[in-house]
Each structure stands twice: as structure tokens, then as C-alpha cells.
Amino acid sequence: MPYDAVATLVSTGDVPLDGVDYYYPGVSADAARDAVEFDLAVRGAE
């Protein structure tokens, strides 16, 4: 699962971190948080 797909899902505010596993069963809330943090870091580096 691409990190940016998870980050986008959460960043819209429609899906909380603990709800990501409904859409992506292999992604825990901790992994979703990491994806969001990584996405922010990548965007900040641009």
C-alpha cells in the first residue's frame, strides 16, 4: 500500500487513523500515523 494513498485518506479528515484498517486491513493506526508523518516530511522537502 503506497504511503501517500493512506496519508490522503486520513488527511481529508473523513477517515480517522483507527479507521484506515476498514479500507486497508493490513494497515494499523500506527502505520497510518507513520504514513501521514512521512508524507508531511516529503512534502516539506519539496
C-alpha atoms as a PDB file:
ATOM      1  CA  MET A   1       0.000   0.000   0.000  1.00  0.00           C
ATOM      2  CA  PRO A   2       1.545   3.326  -1.023  1.00  0.00           C
ATOM      3  CA  TYR A   3       2.086   5.668   1.915  1.00  0.00           C
ATOM      4  CA  ASP A   4       0.557   8.593   0.040  1.00  0.00           C
ATOM      5  CA  ALA A   5      -2.728   6.733  -0.507  1.00  0.00           C
ATOM      6  CA  VAL A   6      -3.021   6.191   3.238  1.00  0.00           C
ATOM      7  CA  ALA A   7      -1.952   9.754   4.016  1.00  0.00           C
ATOM      8  CA  THR A   8      -4.509  11.168   1.602  1.00  0.00           C
ATOM      9  CA  LEU A   9      -7.276   9.052   3.087  1.00  0.00           C
ATOM     10  CA  VAL A  10      -6.519  10.381   6.574  1.00  0.00           C
ATOM     11  CA  SER A  11      -5.681  13.967   5.626  1.00  0.00           C
ATOM     12  CA  THR A  12      -9.142  14.616   4.211  1.00  0.00           C
ATOM     13  CA  GLY A  13     -10.482  14.223   7.739  1.00  0.00           C
ATOM     14  CA  ASP A  14     -13.091  11.737   6.583  1.00  0.00           C
ATOM     15  CA  VAL A  15     -11.267   8.706   7.985  1.00  0.00           C
ATOM     16  CA  PRO A  16      -9.622   8.685  11.435  1.00  0.00           C
ATOM     17  CA  LEU A  17      -6.313   6.889  11.935  1.00  0.00           C
ATOM     18  CA  ASP A  18      -8.036   3.985  13.653  1.00  0.00           C
ATOM     19  CA  GLY A  19     -10.471   3.658  10.731  1.00  0.00           C
ATOM     20  CA  VAL A  20      -7.905   3.129   7.983  1.00  0.00           C
ATOM     21  CA  ASP A  21      -7.953  -0.625   8.534  1.00  0.00           C
ATOM     22  CA  TYR A  22     -11.551  -0.691   7.284  1.00  0.00           C
ATOM     23  CA  TYR A  23     -10.280   0.325   3.826  1.00  0.00           C
ATOM     24  CA  TYR A  24      -6.835  -1.246   4.083  1.00  0.00           C
ATOM     25  CA  PRO A  25      -6.966  -4.197   6.521  1.00  0.00           C
ATOM     26  CA  GLY A  26      -3.180  -4.573   6.572  1.00  0.00           C
ATOM     27  CA  VAL A  27      -2.618  -1.003   7.797  1.00  0.00           C
ATOM     28  CA  SER A  28      -2.716  -0.369  11.543  1.00  0.00           C
ATOM     29  CA  ALA A  29      -3.417   3.009  13.120  1.00  0.00           C
ATOM     30  CA  ASP A  30       0.292   3.299  13.975  1.00  0.00           C
ATOM     31  CA  ALA A  31       1.277   2.567  10.384  1.00  0.00           C
ATOM     32  CA  ALA A  32      -1.257   5.119   9.137  1.00  0.00           C
ATOM     33  CA  ARG A  33       0.217   7.716  11.514  1.00  0.00           C
ATOM     34  CA  ASP A  34       3.691   6.915  10.201  1.00  0.00           C
ATOM     35  CA  ALA A  35       2.445   7.314   6.620  1.00  0.00           C
ATOM     36  CA  VAL A  36       0.981  10.733   7.401  1.00  0.00           C
ATOM     37  CA  GLU A  37       4.179  11.862   9.134  1.00  0.00           C
ATOM     38  CA  PHE A  38       6.306  10.598   6.253  1.00  0.00           C
ATOM     39  CA  ASP A  39       4.057  12.355   3.729  1.00  0.00           C
ATOM     40  CA  LEU A  40       4.428  15.620   5.637  1.00  0.00           C
ATOM     41  CA  ALA A  41       8.209  15.194   5.675  1.00  0.00           C
ATOM     42  CA  VAL A  42       8.320  14.501   1.935  1.00  0.00           C
ATOM     43  CA  ARG A  43       6.136  17.494   1.163  1.00  0.00           C
ATOM     44  CA  GLY A  44       8.282  19.677   3.397  1.00  0.00           C
ATOM     45  CA  ALA A  45      11.390  18.626   1.485  1.00  0.00           C
ATOM     46  CA  GLU A  46       9.982  19.750  -1.859  1.00  0.00           C
END
